[in-house]
Amino acid sequence: MARDDYFADYIIDQLGDLPDIDCRAMFGGHGIYQEEIFFGIVAKGHLYFKTNAHSAALYRRSRMKPFRPNAKQTLKNYYEVPVEVLEDRDQLAEWARRAIAVARESSYRRR
């Protein structure tokens, strides 16, 4: 089992109080979903949550960076979750709920 597989399992365990959370392998990492809403990425031992202009500021205040799948690409709508948040189930659930709301809103706007 790859390192990201273990980390993804840890994240799913930490988010165990939220309903319908699922993890799916994708592009060498994992996508984190609630039902069919894609709101998180596990890649190279890091967790990234979906953000918008408002919520991204919270991540930047914690000095977190956006997701860079490669040297030529940066996804500025996914930011790394701080370690202290990862280790606190309640706080991680709160941040996940915010990311889910952003992802849900984004999904509705695309329709």
C-alpha atoms as a PDB file:
ATOM      1  CA  MET A   1       0.000   0.000   0.000  1.00  0.00           C
ATOM      2  CA  ALA A   2       1.372   3.428  -0.971  1.00  0.00           C
ATOM      3  CA  ARG A   3       1.957   6.194   1.556  1.00  0.00           C
ATOM      4  CA  ASP A   4      -0.984   8.208   0.194  1.00  0.00           C
ATOM      5  CA  ASP A   5      -3.268   5.196   0.677  1.00  0.00           C
ATOM      6  CA  TYR A   6      -2.495   5.167   4.407  1.00  0.00           C
ATOM      7  CA  PHE A   7      -2.830   8.941   4.638  1.00  0.00           C
ATOM      8  CA  ALA A   8      -6.155   8.867   2.765  1.00  0.00           C
ATOM      9  CA  ASP A   9      -7.405   6.197   5.198  1.00  0.00           C
ATOM     10  CA  TYR A  10      -6.343   8.433   8.102  1.00  0.00           C
ATOM     11  CA  ILE A  11      -8.230  11.395   6.612  1.00  0.00           C
ATOM     12  CA  ILE A  12     -11.377   9.334   6.089  1.00  0.00           C
ATOM     13  CA  ASP A  13     -11.124   8.129   9.702  1.00  0.00           C
ATOM     14  CA  GLN A  14     -10.683  11.722  10.924  1.00  0.00           C
ATOM     15  CA  LEU A  15     -13.783  12.742   8.938  1.00  0.00           C
ATOM     16  CA  GLY A  16     -15.779   9.792  10.279  1.00  0.00           C
ATOM     17  CA  ASP A  17     -18.392  12.005  11.961  1.00  0.00           C
ATOM     18  CA  LEU A  18     -19.478  13.483   8.606  1.00  0.00           C
ATOM     19  CA  PRO A  19     -22.066  11.529   6.604  1.00  0.00           C
ATOM     20  CA  ASP A  20     -21.386   9.889   3.232  1.00  0.00           C
ATOM     21  CA  ILE A  21     -17.642  10.624   2.985  1.00  0.00           C
ATOM     22  CA  ASP A  22     -15.845   8.610   0.331  1.00  0.00           C
ATOM     23  CA  CYS A  23     -12.311   8.427  -0.996  1.00  0.00           C
ATOM     24  CA  ARG A  24     -11.525   7.497  -4.605  1.00  0.00           C
ATOM     25  CA  ALA A  25      -8.163   6.909  -6.247  1.00  0.00           C
ATOM     26  CA  MET A  26      -7.353   9.446  -8.955  1.00  0.00           C
ATOM     27  CA  PHE A  27      -4.253  10.592 -10.841  1.00  0.00           C
ATOM     28  CA  GLY A  28      -1.781   9.092  -8.378  1.00  0.00           C
ATOM     29  CA  GLY A  29      -3.637  10.552  -5.387  1.00  0.00           C
ATOM     30  CA  HIS A  30      -7.158  10.428  -3.983  1.00  0.00           C
ATOM     31  CA  GLY A  31     -10.292  12.507  -4.289  1.00  0.00           C
ATOM     32  CA  ILE A  32     -12.414  13.105  -1.198  1.00  0.00           C
ATOM     33  CA  TYR A  33     -16.172  13.281  -1.742  1.00  0.00           C
ATOM     34  CA  GLN A  34     -19.369  13.727   0.186  1.00  0.00           C
ATOM     35  CA  GLU A  35     -21.939  11.879  -1.866  1.00  0.00           C
ATOM     36  CA  GLU A  36     -20.996  13.116  -5.359  1.00  0.00           C
ATOM     37  CA  ILE A  37     -19.517  16.447  -4.243  1.00  0.00           C
ATOM     38  CA  PHE A  38     -15.736  16.525  -4.805  1.00  0.00           C
ATOM     39  CA  PHE A  39     -14.199  18.726  -2.099  1.00  0.00           C
ATOM     40  CA  GLY A  40     -10.735  17.406  -1.241  1.00  0.00           C
ATOM     41  CA  ILE A  41      -7.523  16.029  -2.687  1.00  0.00           C
ATOM     42  CA  VAL A  42      -4.950  13.782  -1.034  1.00  0.00           C
ATOM     43  CA  ALA A  43      -1.624  13.968  -2.864  1.00  0.00           C
ATOM     44  CA  LYS A  44       1.967  13.325  -1.816  1.00  0.00           C
ATOM     45  CA  GLY A  45       1.087  13.121   1.869  1.00  0.00           C
ATOM     46  CA  HIS A  46      -0.934  16.340   1.972  1.00  0.00           C
ATOM     47  CA  LEU A  47      -4.636  17.170   2.139  1.00  0.00           C
ATOM     48  CA  TYR A  48      -6.122  20.009   0.100  1.00  0.00           C
ATOM     49  CA  PHE A  49      -9.654  21.367   0.438  1.00  0.00           C
ATOM     50  CA  LYS A  50     -11.774  23.267  -2.090  1.00  0.00           C
ATOM     51  CA  THR A  51     -11.819  27.018  -1.468  1.00  0.00           C
ATOM     52  CA  ASN A  52     -13.320  30.191  -2.835  1.00  0.00           C
ATOM     53  CA  ALA A  53     -12.063  33.778  -2.598  1.00  0.00           C
ATOM     54  CA  HIS A  54     -13.390  34.113   0.954  1.00  0.00           C
ATOM     55  CA  SER A  55     -12.303  30.755   2.422  1.00  0.00           C
ATOM     56  CA  ALA A  56      -8.863  30.747   0.736  1.00  0.00           C
ATOM     57  CA  ALA A  57      -7.905  33.696   2.956  1.00  0.00           C
ATOM     58  CA  LEU A  58      -8.153  31.430   6.016  1.00  0.00           C
ATOM     59  CA  TYR A  59      -5.625  29.040   4.469  1.00  0.00           C
ATOM     60  CA  ARG A  60      -3.288  31.842   3.424  1.00  0.00           C
ATOM     61  CA  ARG A  61      -3.366  33.266   6.971  1.00  0.00           C
ATOM     62  CA  SER A  62      -2.087  29.865   8.092  1.00  0.00           C
ATOM     63  CA  ARG A  63       0.631  30.144   5.403  1.00  0.00           C
ATOM     64  CA  MET A  64      -0.790  27.264   3.390  1.00  0.00           C
ATOM     65  CA  LYS A  65      -0.183  26.989  -0.334  1.00  0.00           C
ATOM     66  CA  PRO A  66      -2.459  26.030  -3.218  1.00  0.00           C
ATOM     67  CA  PHE A  67      -2.289  22.568  -4.762  1.00  0.00           C
ATOM     68  CA  ARG A  68       0.428  22.124  -7.411  1.00  0.00           C
ATOM     69  CA  PRO A  69      -0.030  18.791  -9.186  1.00  0.00           C
ATOM     70  CA  ASN A  70       3.108  19.554 -11.216  1.00  0.00           C
ATOM     71  CA  ALA A  71       5.638  22.338 -11.784  1.00  0.00           C
ATOM     72  CA  LYS A  72       3.559  23.900 -14.557  1.00  0.00           C
ATOM     73  CA  GLN A  73       0.152  23.835 -12.903  1.00  0.00           C
ATOM     74  CA  THR A  74      -1.334  25.391  -9.758  1.00  0.00           C
ATOM     75  CA  LEU A  75      -4.940  24.863  -8.708  1.00  0.00           C
ATOM     76  CA  LYS A  76      -5.675  28.020  -6.733  1.00  0.00           C
ATOM     77  CA  ASN A  77      -9.087  26.764  -5.639  1.00  0.00           C
ATOM     78  CA  TYR A  78      -7.588  23.919  -3.544  1.00  0.00           C
ATOM     79  CA  TYR A  79      -5.410  24.794  -0.551  1.00  0.00           C
ATOM     80  CA  GLU A  80      -3.395  22.612   1.789  1.00  0.00           C
ATOM     81  CA  VAL A  81      -4.995  21.958   5.181  1.00  0.00           C
ATOM     82  CA  PRO A  82      -2.721  22.873   8.129  1.00  0.00           C
ATOM     83  CA  VAL A  83      -1.299  19.977  10.171  1.00  0.00           C
ATOM     84  CA  GLU A  84      -2.866  21.238  13.397  1.00  0.00           C
ATOM     85  CA  VAL A  85      -6.286  21.071  11.693  1.00  0.00           C
ATOM     86  CA  LEU A  86      -5.615  17.536  10.413  1.00  0.00           C
ATOM     87  CA  GLU A  87      -4.901  16.344  13.929  1.00  0.00           C
ATOM     88  CA  ASP A  88      -8.096  17.807  15.444  1.00  0.00           C
ATOM     89  CA  ARG A  89     -11.164  15.816  14.299  1.00  0.00           C
ATOM     90  CA  ASP A  90     -13.645  18.534  15.222  1.00  0.00           C
ATOM     91  CA  GLN A  91     -11.697  21.306  13.554  1.00  0.00           C
ATOM     92  CA  LEU A  92     -11.050  19.149  10.467  1.00  0.00           C
ATOM     93  CA  ALA A  93     -14.783  18.418  10.206  1.00  0.00           C
ATOM     94  CA  GLU A  94     -15.506  22.155  10.405  1.00  0.00           C
ATOM     95  CA  TRP A  95     -13.016  22.916   7.615  1.00  0.00           C
ATOM     96  CA  ALA A  96     -14.413  20.013   5.560  1.00  0.00           C
ATOM     97  CA  ARG A  97     -17.972  21.323   5.939  1.00  0.00           C
ATOM     98  CA  ARG A  98     -16.807  24.704   4.641  1.00  0.00           C
ATOM     99  CA  ALA A  99     -15.055  23.027   1.674  1.00  0.00           C
ATOM    100  CA  ILE A 100     -18.154  20.936   0.938  1.00  0.00           C
ATOM    101  CA  ALA A 101     -20.329  24.064   0.934  1.00  0.00           C
ATOM    102  CA  VAL A 102     -17.927  25.787  -1.471  1.00  0.00           C
ATOM    103  CA  ALA A 103     -17.814  22.729  -3.745  1.00  0.00           C
ATOM    104  CA  ARG A 104     -21.606  22.382  -3.669  1.00  0.00           C
ATOM    105  CA  GLU A 105     -22.046  26.078  -4.527  1.00  0.00           C
ATOM    106  CA  SER A 106     -19.534  25.772  -7.365  1.00  0.00           C
ATOM    107  CA  SER A 107     -21.340  22.686  -8.668  1.00  0.00           C
ATOM    108  CA  TYR A 108     -24.686  24.502  -8.697  1.00  0.00           C
ATOM    109  CA  ARG A 109     -23.216  27.493 -10.561  1.00  0.00           C
ATOM    110  CA  ARG A 110     -21.883  25.221 -13.325  1.00  0.00           C
ATOM    111  CA  ARG A 111     -25.352  23.781 -13.960  1.00  0.00           C
END
